[in-house]
Structure formats: structure tokens, C-alpha cells
Amino acid sequence: MLEFLLLHNNWHFNLGDNGRMGVSLRHSHNYAASEHGKHAKVLRAVASLELVKGLAVLVAGFSVLFLIHKDPWDIADNLLHTLHINPDRHIAQILLDWADRLTDSQLWAVAGFSFLYSTLRFIEAYGLWKARIWAEWFALISGTIYLPFEIYAIHKQPNFFHGALLMLSIAIILYMAYLRFTSQRRLNAQGGISI
């Protein structure tokens, strides 16, 4: 009898001796549930982090929308005065020059990107909260993609925040890799094939 599991969709297929194919949802779902039950707290902590990231970017996207049809330079100048930052300082001049060059179409693009990014974070958070295998792969791949940027940030400006962010990202990547590859090994030992 030929048998294999498609864990991404939680389907269990078997081809019996009589040539008939059987399909069930039960076997692989129970496998995934039992495998991830002991990891639920960590997965939910990572899901909560992704939810917070998504909410922060969503708030930033809505904030950008409030700048449309307004003068960003005036808003940046008011922000500098509110924070008691001298507008003659180099970093303040960079901010003011950048605000002066902003257009409404650029603001719409930034808002659109932030809404897309936050949607991806929300989807990932949902999948991790529900201990979905696709979300673990998503977290592993997206965390690995961001890693070079985080390394560059700590190289460019080493501080506690960048260091903590890098260490947290590495910990999440290693944990997701551990989950995926130990689950794969156990599944292969049981005779299943995960795709």
C-alpha cells in the first residue's frame, strides 16, 4: 500500500492494494496537533509579536494618510519644535529636506505598502496562533529574508535595540527551523512525506 501525507493541506492519501485511492483529513491533522501542542505557547508568543508588528505598521499607514493634501514640511517642523530639537541640526535638516520632497502619490504608495505588509503580518499571526505548518514556513522564510537588513542595521548603528532585534529574529528563525525539520524527521520515520 502506497501512503503519503500532504501536511500543508492536512490531507492523508493512500493507494490501497485494490487500486482505489483513499483520502482522509484525520491522520495528518492529529499528527500536526500532537506535534505542535507542546509548542503552542511559543508559537502564540511569536504570533502575538507578529500581531503587534502588523498593528504598528497599520497605525503608521493610517498616520501617513493624514499627511495627504497637507504640507509635510510644516508637520515635520512642528514635530521638531514639539520635541525641542533644533531645526539647524544635521538630522533635523535631513528630516525637513525629506518632508519637503514628499508628494501625495508617494504618501499613497507608503500607505498602500504598509497596509499590505500589515495584512501579511496578520495572516502569519493567525497561522502561528492556530499552529499551521504553512505559517511556520512563512515565519522561517520571512525572518530569514529580513536578517541581512537587521545585520546591516546593527553594523551601521550598533545599539541595544538593534542587537535585541537581531537576537530575537535569530531565535525565532532557529525555533521555526527546529520545528519544521524535527517534524519532518518524525514524519519520515513514520513513513509519511511532507511537502
N, C-alpha and C. Protein backbone atom coordinates (compact mmCIF):
# COMPACT_ATOMS: atom_id res chain seq x y z
N MET A 1 0.84 -1.17 0.00
CA MET A 1 0.00 0.00 0.00
C MET A 1 0.89 1.24 0.00
N LEU A 2 0.64 2.16 -0.93
CA LEU A 2 1.38 3.42 -1.02
C LEU A 2 0.64 4.47 -0.20
N GLU A 3 1.38 5.17 0.65
CA GLU A 3 0.74 6.11 1.55
C GLU A 3 1.64 7.33 1.72
N PHE A 4 1.04 8.51 1.73
CA PHE A 4 1.83 9.71 1.99
C PHE A 4 0.94 10.79 2.56
N LEU A 5 1.58 11.78 3.18
CA LEU A 5 0.86 12.89 3.81
C LEU A 5 1.22 14.18 3.12
N LEU A 6 0.22 15.01 2.91
CA LEU A 6 0.45 16.38 2.45
C LEU A 6 0.11 17.27 3.63
N LEU A 7 1.12 17.66 4.41
CA LEU A 7 0.86 18.38 5.65
C LEU A 7 0.41 19.81 5.43
N HIS A 8 0.77 20.42 4.33
CA HIS A 8 0.36 21.81 4.15
C HIS A 8 -1.15 21.94 4.09
N ASN A 9 -1.81 20.96 3.54
CA ASN A 9 -3.26 21.00 3.45
C ASN A 9 -3.91 20.01 4.41
N ASN A 10 -3.09 19.34 5.23
CA ASN A 10 -3.56 18.36 6.21
C ASN A 10 -4.35 17.21 5.57
N TRP A 11 -3.91 16.74 4.43
CA TRP A 11 -4.58 15.62 3.76
C TRP A 11 -3.73 14.37 3.89
N HIS A 12 -4.37 13.24 4.05
CA HIS A 12 -3.71 11.95 4.12
C HIS A 12 -4.24 11.10 2.97
N PHE A 13 -3.37 10.73 2.05
CA PHE A 13 -3.76 9.93 0.89
C PHE A 13 -3.18 8.53 1.03
N ASN A 14 -3.94 7.53 0.57
CA ASN A 14 -3.36 6.19 0.48
C ASN A 14 -3.91 5.50 -0.76
N LEU A 15 -3.10 4.68 -1.33
CA LEU A 15 -3.49 3.91 -2.51
C LEU A 15 -3.47 2.45 -2.08
N GLY A 16 -4.65 1.88 -1.96
CA GLY A 16 -4.78 0.51 -1.46
C GLY A 16 -4.37 -0.52 -2.51
N ASP A 17 -4.36 -1.78 -2.07
CA ASP A 17 -3.98 -2.88 -2.96
C ASP A 17 -4.97 -3.04 -4.11
N ASN A 18 -6.21 -2.61 -3.90
CA ASN A 18 -7.22 -2.75 -4.94
C ASN A 18 -7.18 -1.60 -5.95
N GLY A 19 -6.23 -0.67 -5.81
CA GLY A 19 -6.09 0.42 -6.75
C GLY A 19 -6.94 1.64 -6.43
N ARG A 20 -7.74 1.57 -5.38
CA ARG A 20 -8.59 2.70 -5.01
C ARG A 20 -7.82 3.65 -4.10
N MET A 21 -8.02 4.93 -4.34
CA MET A 21 -7.34 5.92 -3.51
C MET A 21 -8.26 6.34 -2.38
N GLY A 22 -7.71 6.38 -1.18
CA GLY A 22 -8.46 6.86 -0.03
C GLY A 22 -7.88 8.19 0.43
N VAL A 23 -8.76 9.06 0.88
CA VAL A 23 -8.33 10.38 1.34
C VAL A 23 -8.96 10.62 2.70
N SER A 24 -8.18 11.08 3.64
CA SER A 24 -8.75 11.46 4.93
C SER A 24 -8.03 12.69 5.46
N LEU A 25 -8.70 13.42 6.28
CA LEU A 25 -8.13 14.62 6.89
C LEU A 25 -7.62 14.30 8.28
N ARG A 26 -8.09 13.25 8.89
CA ARG A 26 -7.87 12.98 10.29
C ARG A 26 -6.42 12.71 10.66
N HIS A 27 -5.75 11.83 9.97
CA HIS A 27 -4.42 11.37 10.39
C HIS A 27 -3.41 12.49 10.48
N SER A 28 -3.25 13.27 9.42
CA SER A 28 -2.22 14.30 9.43
C SER A 28 -2.60 15.45 10.34
N HIS A 29 -3.92 15.73 10.49
CA HIS A 29 -4.33 16.80 11.39
C HIS A 29 -3.96 16.43 12.83
N ASN A 30 -4.23 15.16 13.21
CA ASN A 30 -3.86 14.73 14.55
C ASN A 30 -2.35 14.75 14.73
N TYR A 31 -1.62 14.38 13.68
CA TYR A 31 -0.16 14.43 13.77
C TYR A 31 0.31 15.85 14.03
N ALA A 32 -0.20 16.81 13.24
CA ALA A 32 0.21 18.20 13.41
C ALA A 32 -0.20 18.73 14.77
N ALA A 33 -1.41 18.39 15.22
CA ALA A 33 -1.89 18.89 16.51
C ALA A 33 -1.06 18.33 17.65
N SER A 34 -0.77 17.03 17.61
CA SER A 34 0.02 16.46 18.70
C SER A 34 1.46 16.97 18.65
N GLU A 35 1.98 17.16 17.46
CA GLU A 35 3.35 17.63 17.31
C GLU A 35 3.52 19.05 17.82
N HIS A 36 2.53 19.90 17.61
CA HIS A 36 2.66 21.30 17.96
C HIS A 36 1.99 21.67 19.28
N GLY A 37 1.29 20.72 19.90
CA GLY A 37 0.64 21.00 21.16
C GLY A 37 1.62 21.47 22.22
N LYS A 38 2.78 20.84 22.26
CA LYS A 38 3.78 21.20 23.27
C LYS A 38 4.51 22.51 22.91
N HIS A 39 4.34 22.99 21.70
CA HIS A 39 4.99 24.23 21.27
C HIS A 39 4.01 25.39 21.17
N ALA A 40 2.77 25.18 21.61
CA ALA A 40 1.71 26.18 21.40
C ALA A 40 2.05 27.52 22.06
N LYS A 41 2.62 27.50 23.26
CA LYS A 41 2.91 28.76 23.95
C LYS A 41 3.93 29.60 23.18
N VAL A 42 4.95 28.96 22.68
CA VAL A 42 5.97 29.70 21.93
C VAL A 42 5.39 30.20 20.61
N LEU A 43 4.64 29.34 19.92
CA LEU A 43 4.02 29.77 18.66
C LEU A 43 3.08 30.94 18.89
N ARG A 44 2.34 30.91 19.98
CA ARG A 44 1.42 32.01 20.27
C ARG A 44 2.17 33.28 20.68
N ALA A 45 3.30 33.13 21.32
CA ALA A 45 4.11 34.32 21.65
C ALA A 45 4.64 34.96 20.37
N VAL A 46 5.11 34.14 19.43
CA VAL A 46 5.58 34.67 18.15
C VAL A 46 4.41 35.27 17.37
N ALA A 47 3.24 34.62 17.44
CA ALA A 47 2.05 35.15 16.77
C ALA A 47 1.68 36.51 17.35
N SER A 48 1.78 36.66 18.66
CA SER A 48 1.48 37.94 19.30
C SER A 48 2.45 39.02 18.85
N LEU A 49 3.72 38.65 18.73
CA LEU A 49 4.73 39.60 18.23
C LEU A 49 4.39 40.04 16.81
N GLU A 50 4.01 39.09 15.96
CA GLU A 50 3.66 39.43 14.58
C GLU A 50 2.41 40.30 14.54
N LEU A 51 1.45 40.05 15.44
CA LEU A 51 0.25 40.87 15.51
C LEU A 51 0.60 42.31 15.90
N VAL A 52 1.49 42.45 16.87
CA VAL A 52 1.92 43.80 17.30
C VAL A 52 2.64 44.52 16.17
N LYS A 53 3.50 43.80 15.45
CA LYS A 53 4.19 44.41 14.30
C LYS A 53 3.18 44.86 13.25
N GLY A 54 2.20 44.01 12.98
CA GLY A 54 1.18 44.36 12.00
C GLY A 54 0.37 45.57 12.43
N LEU A 55 0.00 45.63 13.70
CA LEU A 55 -0.76 46.77 14.21
C LEU A 55 0.05 48.06 14.16
N ALA A 56 1.34 47.97 14.50
CA ALA A 56 2.20 49.16 14.46
C ALA A 56 2.30 49.71 13.04
N VAL A 57 2.49 48.83 12.07
CA VAL A 57 2.61 49.27 10.68
C VAL A 57 1.26 49.78 10.17
N LEU A 58 0.17 49.17 10.61
CA LEU A 58 -1.16 49.64 10.21
C LEU A 58 -1.42 51.05 10.75
N VAL A 59 -1.06 51.31 12.00
CA VAL A 59 -1.21 52.65 12.58
C VAL A 59 -0.34 53.64 11.81
N ALA A 60 0.89 53.23 11.47
CA ALA A 60 1.76 54.11 10.70
C ALA A 60 1.16 54.40 9.32
N GLY A 61 0.55 53.40 8.70
CA GLY A 61 -0.08 53.60 7.40
C GLY A 61 -1.23 54.59 7.47
N PHE A 62 -2.05 54.47 8.51
CA PHE A 62 -3.14 55.44 8.68
C PHE A 62 -2.60 56.83 8.98
N SER A 63 -1.50 56.88 9.73
CA SER A 63 -0.89 58.19 10.03
C SER A 63 -0.39 58.87 8.76
N VAL A 64 0.16 58.09 7.85
CA VAL A 64 0.64 58.64 6.58
C VAL A 64 -0.53 59.20 5.78
N LEU A 65 -1.68 58.56 5.86
CA LEU A 65 -2.85 59.05 5.13
C LEU A 65 -3.27 60.45 5.60
N PHE A 66 -3.02 60.76 6.87
CA PHE A 66 -3.37 62.09 7.38
C PHE A 66 -2.46 63.19 6.81
N LEU A 67 -1.34 62.79 6.23
CA LEU A 67 -0.42 63.77 5.64
C LEU A 67 -0.81 64.17 4.22
N ILE A 68 -1.69 63.40 3.61
CA ILE A 68 -2.08 63.67 2.23
C ILE A 68 -2.84 65.00 2.17
N HIS A 69 -2.51 65.81 1.18
CA HIS A 69 -3.07 67.14 0.96
C HIS A 69 -2.69 68.13 2.07
N LYS A 70 -1.63 67.81 2.79
CA LYS A 70 -1.10 68.74 3.78
C LYS A 70 0.37 68.98 3.43
N ASP A 71 0.97 69.95 4.07
CA ASP A 71 2.38 70.23 3.83
C ASP A 71 3.22 69.43 4.81
N PRO A 72 3.89 68.36 4.35
CA PRO A 72 4.69 67.54 5.25
C PRO A 72 5.83 68.33 5.93
N TRP A 73 6.34 69.36 5.24
CA TRP A 73 7.42 70.15 5.83
C TRP A 73 6.92 70.85 7.09
N ASP A 74 5.71 71.43 7.06
CA ASP A 74 5.16 72.08 8.24
C ASP A 74 4.96 71.09 9.38
N ILE A 75 4.49 69.91 9.05
CA ILE A 75 4.27 68.89 10.08
C ILE A 75 5.60 68.46 10.70
N ALA A 76 6.62 68.26 9.86
CA ALA A 76 7.94 67.89 10.36
C ALA A 76 8.53 69.01 11.22
N ASP A 77 8.36 70.24 10.78
CA ASP A 77 8.87 71.38 11.55
C ASP A 77 8.16 71.47 12.90
N ASN A 78 6.84 71.29 12.93
CA ASN A 78 6.10 71.30 14.20
C ASN A 78 6.54 70.16 15.12
N LEU A 79 6.81 69.00 14.53
CA LEU A 79 7.28 67.86 15.32
C LEU A 79 8.63 68.17 15.96
N LEU A 80 9.53 68.78 15.19
CA LEU A 80 10.84 69.14 15.74
C LEU A 80 10.71 70.14 16.88
N HIS A 81 9.83 71.12 16.72
CA HIS A 81 9.63 72.11 17.78
C HIS A 81 8.99 71.46 19.01
N THR A 82 8.04 70.55 18.80
CA THR A 82 7.38 69.87 19.91
C THR A 82 8.38 69.03 20.70
N LEU A 83 9.31 68.40 20.00
CA LEU A 83 10.33 67.56 20.65
C LEU A 83 11.54 68.37 21.11
N HIS A 84 11.49 69.69 20.93
CA HIS A 84 12.59 70.60 21.33
C HIS A 84 13.91 70.22 20.66
N ILE A 85 13.81 69.91 19.36
CA ILE A 85 15.00 69.61 18.57
C ILE A 85 15.31 70.81 17.71
N ASN A 86 16.54 71.25 17.76
CA ASN A 86 16.96 72.41 16.99
C ASN A 86 16.88 72.09 15.49
N PRO A 87 16.10 72.87 14.72
CA PRO A 87 15.97 72.60 13.28
C PRO A 87 17.28 72.79 12.50
N ASP A 88 18.27 73.40 13.11
CA ASP A 88 19.56 73.60 12.43
C ASP A 88 20.46 72.38 12.55
N ARG A 89 20.10 71.42 13.34
CA ARG A 89 20.92 70.20 13.48
C ARG A 89 20.87 69.41 12.17
N HIS A 90 21.90 68.65 11.95
CA HIS A 90 22.03 67.89 10.70
C HIS A 90 20.86 66.92 10.49
N ILE A 91 20.52 66.13 11.52
CA ILE A 91 19.44 65.14 11.37
C ILE A 91 18.11 65.84 11.14
N ALA A 92 17.91 66.99 11.78
CA ALA A 92 16.68 67.75 11.60
C ALA A 92 16.59 68.27 10.16
N GLN A 93 17.70 68.71 9.60
CA GLN A 93 17.72 69.19 8.22
C GLN A 93 17.42 68.06 7.23
N ILE A 94 17.93 66.89 7.53
CA ILE A 94 17.63 65.73 6.67
C ILE A 94 16.13 65.44 6.69
N LEU A 95 15.53 65.46 7.88
CA LEU A 95 14.10 65.23 8.00
C LEU A 95 13.29 66.29 7.26
N LEU A 96 13.68 67.55 7.41
CA LEU A 96 12.94 68.63 6.75
C LEU A 96 13.10 68.58 5.23
N ASP A 97 14.30 68.26 4.77
CA ASP A 97 14.51 68.13 3.31
C ASP A 97 13.70 66.98 2.74
N TRP A 98 13.67 65.88 3.46
CA TRP A 98 12.89 64.72 3.02
C TRP A 98 11.40 65.07 2.99
N ALA A 99 10.92 65.73 4.03
CA ALA A 99 9.50 66.11 4.09
C ALA A 99 9.14 67.08 2.97
N ASP A 100 10.07 67.93 2.59
CA ASP A 100 9.83 68.90 1.54
C ASP A 100 9.68 68.23 0.17
N ARG A 101 10.32 67.09 -0.02
CA ARG A 101 10.27 66.38 -1.30
C ARG A 101 9.11 65.40 -1.41
N LEU A 102 8.40 65.14 -0.32
CA LEU A 102 7.30 64.17 -0.36
C LEU A 102 6.14 64.66 -1.22
N THR A 103 5.59 63.75 -2.01
CA THR A 103 4.41 64.06 -2.81
C THR A 103 3.24 63.20 -2.32
N ASP A 104 2.03 63.58 -2.70
CA ASP A 104 0.86 62.80 -2.31
C ASP A 104 0.91 61.38 -2.86
N SER A 105 1.40 61.22 -4.07
CA SER A 105 1.47 59.86 -4.64
C SER A 105 2.46 58.99 -3.86
N GLN A 106 3.55 59.57 -3.39
CA GLN A 106 4.49 58.80 -2.57
C GLN A 106 3.85 58.41 -1.24
N LEU A 107 3.07 59.31 -0.68
CA LEU A 107 2.38 59.01 0.58
C LEU A 107 1.36 57.89 0.39
N TRP A 108 0.62 57.93 -0.74
CA TRP A 108 -0.32 56.84 -1.03
C TRP A 108 0.42 55.52 -1.19
N ALA A 109 1.57 55.55 -1.84
CA ALA A 109 2.36 54.32 -2.03
C ALA A 109 2.84 53.76 -0.69
N VAL A 110 3.31 54.63 0.18
CA VAL A 110 3.77 54.20 1.51
C VAL A 110 2.59 53.62 2.29
N ALA A 111 1.44 54.28 2.25
CA ALA A 111 0.25 53.78 2.96
C ALA A 111 -0.17 52.42 2.40
N GLY A 112 -0.18 52.29 1.08
CA GLY A 112 -0.55 51.01 0.46
C GLY A 112 0.39 49.89 0.85
N PHE A 113 1.69 50.17 0.84
CA PHE A 113 2.67 49.17 1.25
C PHE A 113 2.47 48.78 2.71
N SER A 114 2.20 49.76 3.56
CA SER A 114 2.02 49.45 4.98
C SER A 114 0.78 48.60 5.20
N PHE A 115 -0.28 48.83 4.45
CA PHE A 115 -1.48 48.01 4.58
C PHE A 115 -1.22 46.58 4.10
N LEU A 116 -0.49 46.44 3.01
CA LEU A 116 -0.13 45.11 2.50
C LEU A 116 0.75 44.37 3.52
N TYR A 117 1.76 45.06 4.03
CA TYR A 117 2.67 44.45 5.00
C TYR A 117 1.92 44.03 6.26
N SER A 118 1.04 44.90 6.77
CA SER A 118 0.31 44.55 7.99
C SER A 118 -0.64 43.38 7.73
N THR A 119 -1.22 43.28 6.56
CA THR A 119 -2.07 42.15 6.23
C THR A 119 -1.27 40.85 6.27
N LEU A 120 -0.06 40.87 5.72
CA LEU A 120 0.81 39.68 5.77
C LEU A 120 1.14 39.30 7.20
N ARG A 121 1.43 40.30 8.04
CA ARG A 121 1.74 40.03 9.46
C ARG A 121 0.51 39.42 10.15
N PHE A 122 -0.70 39.93 9.85
CA PHE A 122 -1.91 39.39 10.47
C PHE A 122 -2.16 37.95 10.04
N ILE A 123 -1.94 37.66 8.77
CA ILE A 123 -2.11 36.29 8.27
C ILE A 123 -1.11 35.35 8.95
N GLU A 124 0.13 35.80 9.06
CA GLU A 124 1.15 34.99 9.73
C GLU A 124 0.78 34.77 11.20
N ALA A 125 0.33 35.83 11.86
CA ALA A 125 -0.06 35.71 13.28
C ALA A 125 -1.19 34.71 13.45
N TYR A 126 -2.19 34.78 12.58
CA TYR A 126 -3.31 33.82 12.64
C TYR A 126 -2.80 32.39 12.47
N GLY A 127 -1.97 32.18 11.46
CA GLY A 127 -1.47 30.83 11.20
C GLY A 127 -0.62 30.29 12.33
N LEU A 128 0.22 31.13 12.93
CA LEU A 128 1.03 30.68 14.05
C LEU A 128 0.17 30.42 15.28
N TRP A 129 -0.83 31.26 15.51
CA TRP A 129 -1.72 31.06 16.66
C TRP A 129 -2.44 29.72 16.55
N LYS A 130 -2.81 29.35 15.32
CA LYS A 130 -3.51 28.09 15.08
C LYS A 130 -2.54 26.93 14.81
N ALA A 131 -1.24 27.17 14.96
CA ALA A 131 -0.19 26.16 14.77
C ALA A 131 -0.26 25.54 13.39
N ARG A 132 -0.40 26.37 12.36
CA ARG A 132 -0.44 25.90 10.98
C ARG A 132 0.99 25.75 10.45
N ILE A 133 1.21 24.69 9.75
CA ILE A 133 2.54 24.41 9.23
C ILE A 133 2.97 25.46 8.22
N TRP A 134 2.05 25.91 7.37
CA TRP A 134 2.40 26.93 6.37
C TRP A 134 2.87 28.21 7.05
N ALA A 135 2.32 28.53 8.21
CA ALA A 135 2.73 29.75 8.92
C ALA A 135 4.13 29.60 9.50
N GLU A 136 4.48 28.41 9.91
CA GLU A 136 5.84 28.18 10.40
C GLU A 136 6.85 28.38 9.26
N TRP A 137 6.51 27.83 8.10
CA TRP A 137 7.38 28.04 6.94
C TRP A 137 7.45 29.54 6.59
N PHE A 138 6.31 30.20 6.64
CA PHE A 138 6.25 31.62 6.33
C PHE A 138 7.12 32.42 7.30
N ALA A 139 7.03 32.10 8.60
CA ALA A 139 7.83 32.79 9.61
C ALA A 139 9.32 32.52 9.39
N LEU A 140 9.65 31.29 9.07
CA LEU A 140 11.05 30.93 8.83
C LEU A 140 11.61 31.68 7.62
N ILE A 141 10.87 31.69 6.54
CA ILE A 141 11.35 32.34 5.31
C ILE A 141 11.38 33.85 5.46
N SER A 142 10.31 34.44 5.99
CA SER A 142 10.29 35.91 6.11
C SER A 142 11.34 36.40 7.11
N GLY A 143 11.52 35.66 8.19
CA GLY A 143 12.57 36.04 9.15
C GLY A 143 13.95 35.98 8.54
N THR A 144 14.18 34.97 7.72
CA THR A 144 15.48 34.83 7.05
C THR A 144 15.70 35.94 6.03
N ILE A 145 14.63 36.36 5.36
CA ILE A 145 14.74 37.45 4.39
C ILE A 145 15.13 38.75 5.07
N TYR A 146 14.56 39.02 6.26
CA TYR A 146 14.85 40.28 6.97
C TYR A 146 16.21 40.28 7.66
N LEU A 147 16.80 39.12 7.87
CA LEU A 147 18.05 39.02 8.62
C LEU A 147 19.19 39.90 8.07
N PRO A 148 19.45 39.92 6.76
CA PRO A 148 20.53 40.79 6.26
C PRO A 148 20.30 42.27 6.57
N PHE A 149 19.04 42.71 6.54
CA PHE A 149 18.75 44.11 6.85
C PHE A 149 19.01 44.41 8.33
N GLU A 150 18.70 43.46 9.19
CA GLU A 150 18.95 43.64 10.61
C GLU A 150 20.44 43.62 10.91
N ILE A 151 21.18 42.77 10.21
CA ILE A 151 22.64 42.74 10.38
C ILE A 151 23.23 44.06 9.90
N TYR A 152 22.75 44.57 8.78
CA TYR A 152 23.23 45.86 8.28
C TYR A 152 22.93 46.97 9.27
N ALA A 153 21.72 46.95 9.86
CA ALA A 153 21.34 47.99 10.82
C ALA A 153 22.25 47.98 12.04
N ILE A 154 22.59 46.80 12.54
CA ILE A 154 23.46 46.75 13.72
C ILE A 154 24.90 47.10 13.35
N HIS A 155 25.29 46.81 12.12
CA HIS A 155 26.62 47.19 11.66
C HIS A 155 26.72 48.71 11.49
N LYS A 156 25.67 49.29 10.95
CA LYS A 156 25.64 50.73 10.68
C LYS A 156 25.52 51.54 11.97
N GLN A 157 24.66 51.07 12.88
CA GLN A 157 24.45 51.80 14.13
C GLN A 157 24.27 50.80 15.26
N PRO A 158 25.37 50.33 15.85
CA PRO A 158 25.24 49.34 16.92
C PRO A 158 24.63 49.97 18.18
N ASN A 159 23.54 49.38 18.63
CA ASN A 159 22.93 49.80 19.89
C ASN A 159 22.12 48.63 20.44
N PHE A 160 21.60 48.82 21.63
CA PHE A 160 20.87 47.74 22.30
C PHE A 160 19.63 47.32 21.51
N PHE A 161 18.89 48.28 20.96
CA PHE A 161 17.67 47.97 20.23
C PHE A 161 17.95 47.08 19.03
N HIS A 162 18.94 47.48 18.21
CA HIS A 162 19.27 46.67 17.03
C HIS A 162 19.80 45.30 17.42
N GLY A 163 20.59 45.26 18.49
CA GLY A 163 21.12 43.97 18.95
C GLY A 163 20.02 43.05 19.45
N ALA A 164 19.08 43.60 20.23
CA ALA A 164 17.97 42.80 20.74
C ALA A 164 17.08 42.32 19.60
N LEU A 165 16.84 43.18 18.63
CA LEU A 165 16.02 42.81 17.48
C LEU A 165 16.69 41.69 16.68
N LEU A 166 17.99 41.79 16.48
CA LEU A 166 18.71 40.75 15.75
C LEU A 166 18.68 39.43 16.51
N MET A 167 18.89 39.46 17.81
CA MET A 167 18.88 38.23 18.60
C MET A 167 17.49 37.59 18.62
N LEU A 168 16.46 38.41 18.73
CA LEU A 168 15.10 37.90 18.70
C LEU A 168 14.78 37.25 17.35
N SER A 169 15.19 37.90 16.28
CA SER A 169 14.96 37.34 14.93
C SER A 169 15.68 36.02 14.75
N ILE A 170 16.92 35.96 15.19
CA ILE A 170 17.69 34.71 15.08
C ILE A 170 17.02 33.60 15.90
N ALA A 171 16.57 33.94 17.10
CA ALA A 171 15.90 32.94 17.95
C ALA A 171 14.63 32.41 17.28
N ILE A 172 13.86 33.30 16.68
CA ILE A 172 12.62 32.87 16.01
C ILE A 172 12.94 32.00 14.80
N ILE A 173 13.93 32.42 14.01
CA ILE A 173 14.32 31.63 12.83
C ILE A 173 14.79 30.24 13.24
N LEU A 174 15.64 30.16 14.25
CA LEU A 174 16.15 28.86 14.70
C LEU A 174 15.02 28.00 15.26
N TYR A 175 14.09 28.59 15.98
CA TYR A 175 12.99 27.83 16.54
C TYR A 175 12.07 27.29 15.45
N MET A 176 11.75 28.13 14.46
CA MET A 176 10.90 27.66 13.36
C MET A 176 11.62 26.58 12.55
N ALA A 177 12.92 26.73 12.34
CA ALA A 177 13.68 25.70 11.64
C ALA A 177 13.67 24.39 12.44
N TYR A 178 13.84 24.51 13.75
CA TYR A 178 13.79 23.33 14.62
C TYR A 178 12.43 22.63 14.48
N LEU A 179 11.34 23.40 14.56
CA LEU A 179 10.00 22.82 14.44
C LEU A 179 9.83 22.10 13.11
N ARG A 180 10.20 22.78 12.03
CA ARG A 180 9.96 22.21 10.72
C ARG A 180 10.81 20.97 10.47
N PHE A 181 12.08 21.02 10.83
CA PHE A 181 12.95 19.92 10.46
C PHE A 181 12.82 18.73 11.41
N THR A 182 12.51 18.96 12.70
CA THR A 182 12.26 17.82 13.57
C THR A 182 10.93 17.17 13.24
N SER A 183 9.93 17.96 12.87
CA SER A 183 8.65 17.40 12.45
C SER A 183 8.82 16.57 11.19
N GLN A 184 9.63 17.06 10.27
CA GLN A 184 9.87 16.35 9.02
C GLN A 184 10.56 15.01 9.30
N ARG A 185 11.54 15.01 10.20
CA ARG A 185 12.24 13.78 10.52
C ARG A 185 11.30 12.75 11.15
N ARG A 186 10.45 13.20 12.07
CA ARG A 186 9.49 12.29 12.71
C ARG A 186 8.50 11.75 11.69
N LEU A 187 8.05 12.61 10.79
CA LEU A 187 7.10 12.19 9.76
C LEU A 187 7.73 11.16 8.84
N ASN A 188 8.98 11.40 8.44
CA ASN A 188 9.67 10.45 7.57
C ASN A 188 9.86 9.11 8.28
N ALA A 189 10.10 9.14 9.59
CA ALA A 189 10.27 7.92 10.36
C ALA A 189 8.97 7.12 10.40
N GLN A 190 7.82 7.83 10.31
CA GLN A 190 6.53 7.17 10.31
C GLN A 190 6.12 6.74 8.90
N GLY A 191 6.90 7.09 7.92
CA GLY A 191 6.60 6.67 6.54
C GLY A 191 5.84 7.69 5.74
N GLY A 192 5.69 8.91 6.24
CA GLY A 192 4.96 9.95 5.52
C GLY A 192 5.91 10.84 4.75
N ILE A 193 5.36 11.59 3.84
CA ILE A 193 6.12 12.55 3.04
C ILE A 193 5.46 13.90 3.20
N SER A 194 6.19 14.88 3.69
CA SER A 194 5.64 16.23 3.84
C SER A 194 6.11 17.08 2.67
N ILE A 195 5.19 17.84 2.13
CA ILE A 195 5.53 18.71 1.01
C ILE A 195 5.48 20.13 1.48
